[in-house]
Amino acid sequence: MKTIRIQLETLTCPSCINKIEGVLNKQTGVDEAKVMFNSSKVKITYNEEETNLKELSEIIEKLGYPVLS
């Protein structure tokens, strides 16, 4: 398992947390996704053999939340 933190451009409301966590936690290979509203970061623990940072970032961006490099 690997744990990463992804910095988002911004989160505007607490319901964003549920949306992001809900989708990520259903992805194959994701053990846990936790959004930190105050810092606009997403902490994800995942299996590197089943998914990767690029795929997870793309999922977040498709939800409408820009990921900062």
PDB file of N, CA and C in Angstrom:
ATOM      1  N   MET A   1       0.836  -1.184   0.000  1.00  0.00           N
ATOM      2  CA  MET A   1       0.000   0.000   0.000  1.00  0.00           C
ATOM      3  C   MET A   1       0.883   1.252   0.000  1.00  0.00           C
ATOM      4  N   LYS A   2       0.400   2.257  -0.678  1.00  0.00           N
ATOM      5  CA  LYS A   2       1.095   3.539  -0.751  1.00  0.00           C
ATOM      6  C   LYS A   2       0.108   4.626  -0.336  1.00  0.00           C
ATOM      7  N   THR A   3       0.605   5.640   0.367  1.00  0.00           N
ATOM      8  CA  THR A   3      -0.231   6.770   0.760  1.00  0.00           C
ATOM      9  C   THR A   3       0.308   8.032   0.113  1.00  0.00           C
ATOM     10  N   ILE A   4      -0.587   8.781  -0.515  1.00  0.00           N
ATOM     11  CA  ILE A   4      -0.222  10.041  -1.159  1.00  0.00           C
ATOM     12  C   ILE A   4      -1.163  11.144  -0.678  1.00  0.00           C
ATOM     13  N   ARG A   5      -0.740  12.370  -0.879  1.00  0.00           N
ATOM     14  CA  ARG A   5      -1.592  13.526  -0.624  1.00  0.00           C
ATOM     15  C   ARG A   5      -1.643  14.351  -1.900  1.00  0.00           C
ATOM     16  N   ILE A   6      -2.853  14.635  -2.333  1.00  0.00           N
ATOM     17  CA  ILE A   6      -3.055  15.416  -3.544  1.00  0.00           C
ATOM     18  C   ILE A   6      -3.606  16.776  -3.147  1.00  0.00           C
ATOM     19  N   GLN A   7      -2.953  17.832  -3.619  1.00  0.00           N
ATOM     20  CA  GLN A   7      -3.393  19.198  -3.326  1.00  0.00           C
ATOM     21  C   GLN A   7      -4.397  19.634  -4.380  1.00  0.00           C
ATOM     22  N   LEU A   8      -5.563  20.062  -3.924  1.00  0.00           N
ATOM     23  CA  LEU A   8      -6.588  20.558  -4.828  1.00  0.00           C
ATOM     24  C   LEU A   8      -6.520  22.072  -4.893  1.00  0.00           C
ATOM     25  N   GLU A   9      -6.991  22.629  -5.991  1.00  0.00           N
ATOM     26  CA  GLU A   9      -6.995  24.078  -6.142  1.00  0.00           C
ATOM     27  C   GLU A   9      -7.819  24.717  -5.034  1.00  0.00           C
ATOM     28  N   THR A  10      -9.026  24.210  -4.836  1.00  0.00           N
ATOM     29  CA  THR A  10      -9.886  24.738  -3.778  1.00  0.00           C
ATOM     30  C   THR A  10     -11.076  23.829  -3.560  1.00  0.00           C
ATOM     31  N   LEU A  11     -11.595  23.870  -2.362  1.00  0.00           N
ATOM     32  CA  LEU A  11     -12.855  23.209  -2.042  1.00  0.00           C
ATOM     33  C   LEU A  11     -13.786  24.300  -1.550  1.00  0.00           C
ATOM     34  N   THR A  12     -14.999  24.333  -2.055  1.00  0.00           N
ATOM     35  CA  THR A  12     -15.891  25.437  -1.722  1.00  0.00           C
ATOM     36  C   THR A  12     -16.959  25.091  -0.696  1.00  0.00           C
ATOM     37  N   CYS A  13     -17.211  23.799  -0.489  1.00  0.00           N
ATOM     38  CA  CYS A  13     -18.265  23.447   0.466  1.00  0.00           C
ATOM     39  C   CYS A  13     -18.008  22.060   1.048  1.00  0.00           C
ATOM     40  N   PRO A  14     -18.535  21.811   2.237  1.00  0.00           N
ATOM     41  CA  PRO A  14     -18.344  20.501   2.864  1.00  0.00           C
ATOM     42  C   PRO A  14     -18.938  19.339   2.066  1.00  0.00           C
ATOM     43  N   SER A  15     -19.941  19.581   1.239  1.00  0.00           N
ATOM     44  CA  SER A  15     -20.504  18.477   0.453  1.00  0.00           C
ATOM     45  C   SER A  15     -19.513  17.973  -0.595  1.00  0.00           C
ATOM     46  N   CYS A  16     -18.529  18.798  -0.935  1.00  0.00           N
ATOM     47  CA  CYS A  16     -17.465  18.369  -1.853  1.00  0.00           C
ATOM     48  C   CYS A  16     -16.721  17.170  -1.268  1.00  0.00           C
ATOM     49  N   ILE A  17     -16.560  17.175   0.037  1.00  0.00           N
ATOM     50  CA  ILE A  17     -15.856  16.087   0.719  1.00  0.00           C
ATOM     51  C   ILE A  17     -16.556  14.765   0.444  1.00  0.00           C
ATOM     52  N   ASN A  18     -17.852  14.723   0.660  1.00  0.00           N
ATOM     53  CA  ASN A  18     -18.611  13.483   0.446  1.00  0.00           C
ATOM     54  C   ASN A  18     -18.538  13.011  -0.989  1.00  0.00           C
ATOM     55  N   LYS A  19     -18.599  13.946  -1.924  1.00  0.00           N
ATOM     56  CA  LYS A  19     -18.560  13.599  -3.348  1.00  0.00           C
ATOM     57  C   LYS A  19     -17.218  12.952  -3.704  1.00  0.00           C
ATOM     58  N   ILE A  20     -16.130  13.603  -3.324  1.00  0.00           N
ATOM     59  CA  ILE A  20     -14.791  13.099  -3.662  1.00  0.00           C
ATOM     60  C   ILE A  20     -14.514  11.776  -2.955  1.00  0.00           C
ATOM     61  N   GLU A  21     -14.741  11.740  -1.643  1.00  0.00           N
ATOM     62  CA  GLU A  21     -14.485  10.514  -0.885  1.00  0.00           C
ATOM     63  C   GLU A  21     -15.341   9.362  -1.388  1.00  0.00           C
ATOM     64  N   GLY A  22     -16.609   9.641  -1.683  1.00  0.00           N
ATOM     65  CA  GLY A  22     -17.511   8.596  -2.151  1.00  0.00           C
ATOM     66  C   GLY A  22     -17.038   7.932  -3.427  1.00  0.00           C
ATOM     67  N   VAL A  23     -16.611   8.743  -4.382  1.00  0.00           N
ATOM     68  CA  VAL A  23     -16.162   8.201  -5.672  1.00  0.00           C
ATOM     69  C   VAL A  23     -14.816   7.481  -5.518  1.00  0.00           C
ATOM     70  N   LEU A  24     -13.865   8.109  -4.831  1.00  0.00           N
ATOM     71  CA  LEU A  24     -12.540   7.498  -4.696  1.00  0.00           C
ATOM     72  C   LEU A  24     -12.588   6.192  -3.910  1.00  0.00           C
ATOM     73  N   ASN A  25     -13.369   6.155  -2.851  1.00  0.00           N
ATOM     74  CA  ASN A  25     -13.422   4.949  -2.019  1.00  0.00           C
ATOM     75  C   ASN A  25     -14.059   3.760  -2.743  1.00  0.00           C
ATOM     76  N   LYS A  26     -14.709   3.997  -3.866  1.00  0.00           N
ATOM     77  CA  LYS A  26     -15.294   2.910  -4.669  1.00  0.00           C
ATOM     78  C   LYS A  26     -14.342   2.418  -5.751  1.00  0.00           C
ATOM     79  N   GLN A  27     -13.225   3.106  -5.946  1.00  0.00           N
ATOM     80  CA  GLN A  27     -12.294   2.742  -7.010  1.00  0.00           C
ATOM     81  C   GLN A  27     -11.503   1.495  -6.645  1.00  0.00           C
ATOM     82  N   THR A  28     -11.283   0.647  -7.626  1.00  0.00           N
ATOM     83  CA  THR A  28     -10.471  -0.548  -7.431  1.00  0.00           C
ATOM     84  C   THR A  28      -9.068  -0.138  -6.987  1.00  0.00           C
ATOM     85  N   GLY A  29      -8.605  -0.762  -5.931  1.00  0.00           N
ATOM     86  CA  GLY A  29      -7.256  -0.506  -5.438  1.00  0.00           C
ATOM     87  C   GLY A  29      -7.182   0.535  -4.340  1.00  0.00           C
ATOM     88  N   VAL A  30      -8.233   1.326  -4.160  1.00  0.00           N
ATOM     89  CA  VAL A  30      -8.205   2.353  -3.121  1.00  0.00           C
ATOM     90  C   VAL A  30      -8.635   1.733  -1.799  1.00  0.00           C
ATOM     91  N   ASP A  31      -7.755   1.834  -0.807  1.00  0.00           N
ATOM     92  CA  ASP A  31      -8.052   1.331   0.521  1.00  0.00           C
ATOM     93  C   ASP A  31      -8.819   2.380   1.324  1.00  0.00           C
ATOM     94  N   GLU A  32      -8.375   3.643   1.218  1.00  0.00           N
ATOM     95  CA  GLU A  32      -9.051   4.728   1.922  1.00  0.00           C
ATOM     96  C   GLU A  32      -8.731   6.065   1.275  1.00  0.00           C
ATOM     97  N   ALA A  33      -9.748   6.891   1.137  1.00  0.00           N
ATOM     98  CA  ALA A  33      -9.582   8.267   0.657  1.00  0.00           C
ATOM     99  C   ALA A  33     -10.210   9.188   1.693  1.00  0.00           C
ATOM    100  N   LYS A  34      -9.466  10.193   2.097  1.00  0.00           N
ATOM    101  CA  LYS A  34      -9.941  11.128   3.121  1.00  0.00           C
ATOM    102  C   LYS A  34      -9.637  12.543   2.651  1.00  0.00           C
ATOM    103  N   VAL A  35     -10.663  13.396   2.617  1.00  0.00           N
ATOM    104  CA  VAL A  35     -10.501  14.787   2.196  1.00  0.00           C
ATOM    105  C   VAL A  35     -10.361  15.671   3.432  1.00  0.00           C
ATOM    106  N   MET A  36      -9.370  16.550   3.393  1.00  0.00           N
ATOM    107  CA  MET A  36      -9.156  17.519   4.462  1.00  0.00           C
ATOM    108  C   MET A  36      -9.604  18.880   3.931  1.00  0.00           C
ATOM    109  N   PHE A  37     -10.794  19.300   4.343  1.00  0.00           N
ATOM    110  CA  PHE A  37     -11.426  20.503   3.806  1.00  0.00           C
ATOM    111  C   PHE A  37     -10.579  21.756   4.016  1.00  0.00           C
ATOM    112  N   ASN A  38     -10.074  21.962   5.212  1.00  0.00           N
ATOM    113  CA  ASN A  38      -9.344  23.196   5.525  1.00  0.00           C
ATOM    114  C   ASN A  38      -8.074  23.383   4.708  1.00  0.00           C
ATOM    115  N   SER A  39      -7.413  22.285   4.367  1.00  0.00           N
ATOM    116  CA  SER A  39      -6.170  22.392   3.593  1.00  0.00           C
ATOM    117  C   SER A  39      -6.362  22.075   2.113  1.00  0.00           C
ATOM    118  N   SER A  40      -7.570  21.700   1.713  1.00  0.00           N
ATOM    119  CA  SER A  40      -7.880  21.325   0.324  1.00  0.00           C
ATOM    120  C   SER A  40      -6.977  20.200  -0.178  1.00  0.00           C
ATOM    121  N   LYS A  41      -6.763  19.201   0.681  1.00  0.00           N
ATOM    122  CA  LYS A  41      -5.938  18.053   0.303  1.00  0.00           C
ATOM    123  C   LYS A  41      -6.750  16.770   0.400  1.00  0.00           C
ATOM    124  N   VAL A  42      -6.349  15.803  -0.426  1.00  0.00           N
ATOM    125  CA  VAL A  42      -6.946  14.477  -0.392  1.00  0.00           C
ATOM    126  C   VAL A  42      -5.837  13.491  -0.057  1.00  0.00           C
ATOM    127  N   LYS A  43      -6.033  12.736   0.999  1.00  0.00           N
ATOM    128  CA  LYS A  43      -5.085  11.693   1.403  1.00  0.00           C
ATOM    129  C   LYS A  43      -5.647  10.366   0.930  1.00  0.00           C
ATOM    130  N   ILE A  44      -4.868   9.654   0.128  1.00  0.00           N
ATOM    131  CA  ILE A  44      -5.343   8.398  -0.460  1.00  0.00           C
ATOM    132  C   ILE A  44      -4.340   7.285  -0.175  1.00  0.00           C
ATOM    133  N   THR A  45      -4.835   6.190   0.362  1.00  0.00           N
ATOM    134  CA  THR A  45      -4.032   4.980   0.541  1.00  0.00           C
ATOM    135  C   THR A  45      -4.534   3.980  -0.487  1.00  0.00           C
ATOM    136  N   TYR A  46      -3.616   3.477  -1.312  1.00  0.00           N
ATOM    137  CA  TYR A  46      -4.028   2.606  -2.417  1.00  0.00           C
ATOM    138  C   TYR A  46      -2.989   1.547  -2.732  1.00  0.00           C
ATOM    139  N   ASN A  47      -3.406   0.541  -3.479  1.00  0.00           N
ATOM    140  CA  ASN A  47      -2.537  -0.535  -3.935  1.00  0.00           C
ATOM    141  C   ASN A  47      -1.956  -0.133  -5.285  1.00  0.00           C
ATOM    142  N   GLU A  48      -0.643   0.005  -5.347  1.00  0.00           N
ATOM    143  CA  GLU A  48       0.030   0.445  -6.575  1.00  0.00           C
ATOM    144  C   GLU A  48      -0.110  -0.534  -7.735  1.00  0.00           C
ATOM    145  N   GLU A  49      -0.465  -1.761  -7.453  1.00  0.00           N
ATOM    146  CA  GLU A  49      -0.639  -2.748  -8.518  1.00  0.00           C
ATOM    147  C   GLU A  49      -2.003  -2.621  -9.186  1.00  0.00           C
ATOM    148  N   GLU A  50      -2.925  -1.867  -8.559  1.00  0.00           N
ATOM    149  CA  GLU A  50      -4.272  -1.759  -9.089  1.00  0.00           C
ATOM    150  C   GLU A  50      -4.642  -0.368  -9.604  1.00  0.00           C
ATOM    151  N   THR A  51      -3.941   0.657  -9.153  1.00  0.00           N
ATOM    152  CA  THR A  51      -4.208   2.022  -9.605  1.00  0.00           C
ATOM    153  C   THR A  51      -2.952   2.859  -9.401  1.00  0.00           C
ATOM    154  N   ASN A  52      -3.008   4.116  -9.822  1.00  0.00           N
ATOM    155  CA  ASN A  52      -1.829   4.969  -9.678  1.00  0.00           C
ATOM    156  C   ASN A  52      -2.238   6.433  -9.505  1.00  0.00           C
ATOM    157  N   LEU A  53      -1.256   7.263  -9.209  1.00  0.00           N
ATOM    158  CA  LEU A  53      -1.501   8.682  -8.957  1.00  0.00           C
ATOM    159  C   LEU A  53      -2.185   9.363 -10.134  1.00  0.00           C
ATOM    160  N   LYS A  54      -1.762   9.066 -11.341  1.00  0.00           N
ATOM    161  CA  LYS A  54      -2.343   9.697 -12.530  1.00  0.00           C
ATOM    162  C   LYS A  54      -3.839   9.374 -12.646  1.00  0.00           C
ATOM    163  N   GLU A  55      -4.190   8.118 -12.484  1.00  0.00           N
ATOM    164  CA  GLU A  55      -5.603   7.715 -12.572  1.00  0.00           C
ATOM    165  C   GLU A  55      -6.440   8.389 -11.485  1.00  0.00           C
ATOM    166  N   LEU A  56      -5.920   8.426 -10.269  1.00  0.00           N
ATOM    167  CA  LEU A  56      -6.658   9.018  -9.159  1.00  0.00           C
ATOM    168  C   LEU A  56      -6.837  10.523  -9.357  1.00  0.00           C
ATOM    169  N   SER A  57      -5.800  11.185  -9.845  1.00  0.00           N
ATOM    170  CA  SER A  57      -5.891  12.623 -10.127  1.00  0.00           C
ATOM    171  C   SER A  57      -6.918  12.905 -11.212  1.00  0.00           C
ATOM    172  N   GLU A  58      -6.942  12.065 -12.244  1.00  0.00           N
ATOM    173  CA  GLU A  58      -7.909  12.241 -13.331  1.00  0.00           C
ATOM    174  C   GLU A  58      -9.343  12.077 -12.832  1.00  0.00           C
ATOM    175  N   ILE A  59      -9.568  11.150 -11.931  1.00  0.00           N
ATOM    176  CA  ILE A  59     -10.903  10.948 -11.362  1.00  0.00           C
ATOM    177  C   ILE A  59     -11.354  12.208 -10.633  1.00  0.00           C
ATOM    178  N   ILE A  60     -10.464  12.774  -9.827  1.00  0.00           N
ATOM    179  CA  ILE A  60     -10.786  13.987  -9.070  1.00  0.00           C
ATOM    180  C   ILE A  60     -11.084  15.144 -10.018  1.00  0.00           C
ATOM    181  N   GLU A  61     -10.281  15.286 -11.054  1.00  0.00           N
ATOM    182  CA  GLU A  61     -10.491  16.383 -12.006  1.00  0.00           C
ATOM    183  C   GLU A  61     -11.816  16.210 -12.768  1.00  0.00           C
ATOM    184  N   LYS A  62     -12.187  14.978 -13.093  1.00  0.00           N
ATOM    185  CA  LYS A  62     -13.461  14.733 -13.785  1.00  0.00           C
ATOM    186  C   LYS A  62     -14.652  15.113 -12.914  1.00  0.00           C
ATOM    187  N   LEU A  63     -14.445  15.087 -11.602  1.00  0.00           N
ATOM    188  CA  LEU A  63     -15.499  15.497 -10.670  1.00  0.00           C
ATOM    189  C   LEU A  63     -15.620  17.023 -10.589  1.00  0.00           C
ATOM    190  N   GLY A  64     -14.646  17.719 -11.192  1.00  0.00           N
ATOM    191  CA  GLY A  64     -14.701  19.176 -11.214  1.00  0.00           C
ATOM    192  C   GLY A  64     -13.801  19.869 -10.217  1.00  0.00           C
ATOM    193  N   TYR A  65     -12.815  19.154  -9.696  1.00  0.00           N
ATOM    194  CA  TYR A  65     -11.903  19.734  -8.715  1.00  0.00           C
ATOM    195  C   TYR A  65     -10.479  19.701  -9.279  1.00  0.00           C
ATOM    196  N   PRO A  66      -9.970  20.859  -9.711  1.00  0.00           N
ATOM    197  CA  PRO A  66      -8.626  20.907 -10.283  1.00  0.00           C
ATOM    198  C   PRO A  66      -7.551  20.472  -9.291  1.00  0.00           C
ATOM    199  N   VAL A  67      -6.638  19.643  -9.773  1.00  0.00           N
ATOM    200  CA  VAL A  67      -5.507  19.161  -8.979  1.00  0.00           C
ATOM    201  C   VAL A  67      -4.308  20.032  -9.287  1.00  0.00           C
ATOM    202  N   LEU A  68      -3.622  20.482  -8.242  1.00  0.00           N
ATOM    203  CA  LEU A  68      -2.402  21.272  -8.432  1.00  0.00           C
ATOM    204  C   LEU A  68      -1.223  20.342  -8.585  1.00  0.00           C
ATOM    205  N   SER A  69      -0.307  20.688  -9.458  1.00  0.00           N
ATOM    206  CA  SER A  69       0.881  19.840  -9.704  1.00  0.00           C
ATOM    207  C   SER A  69       1.806  19.875  -8.517  1.00  0.00           C
TER     208      SER A  69
END
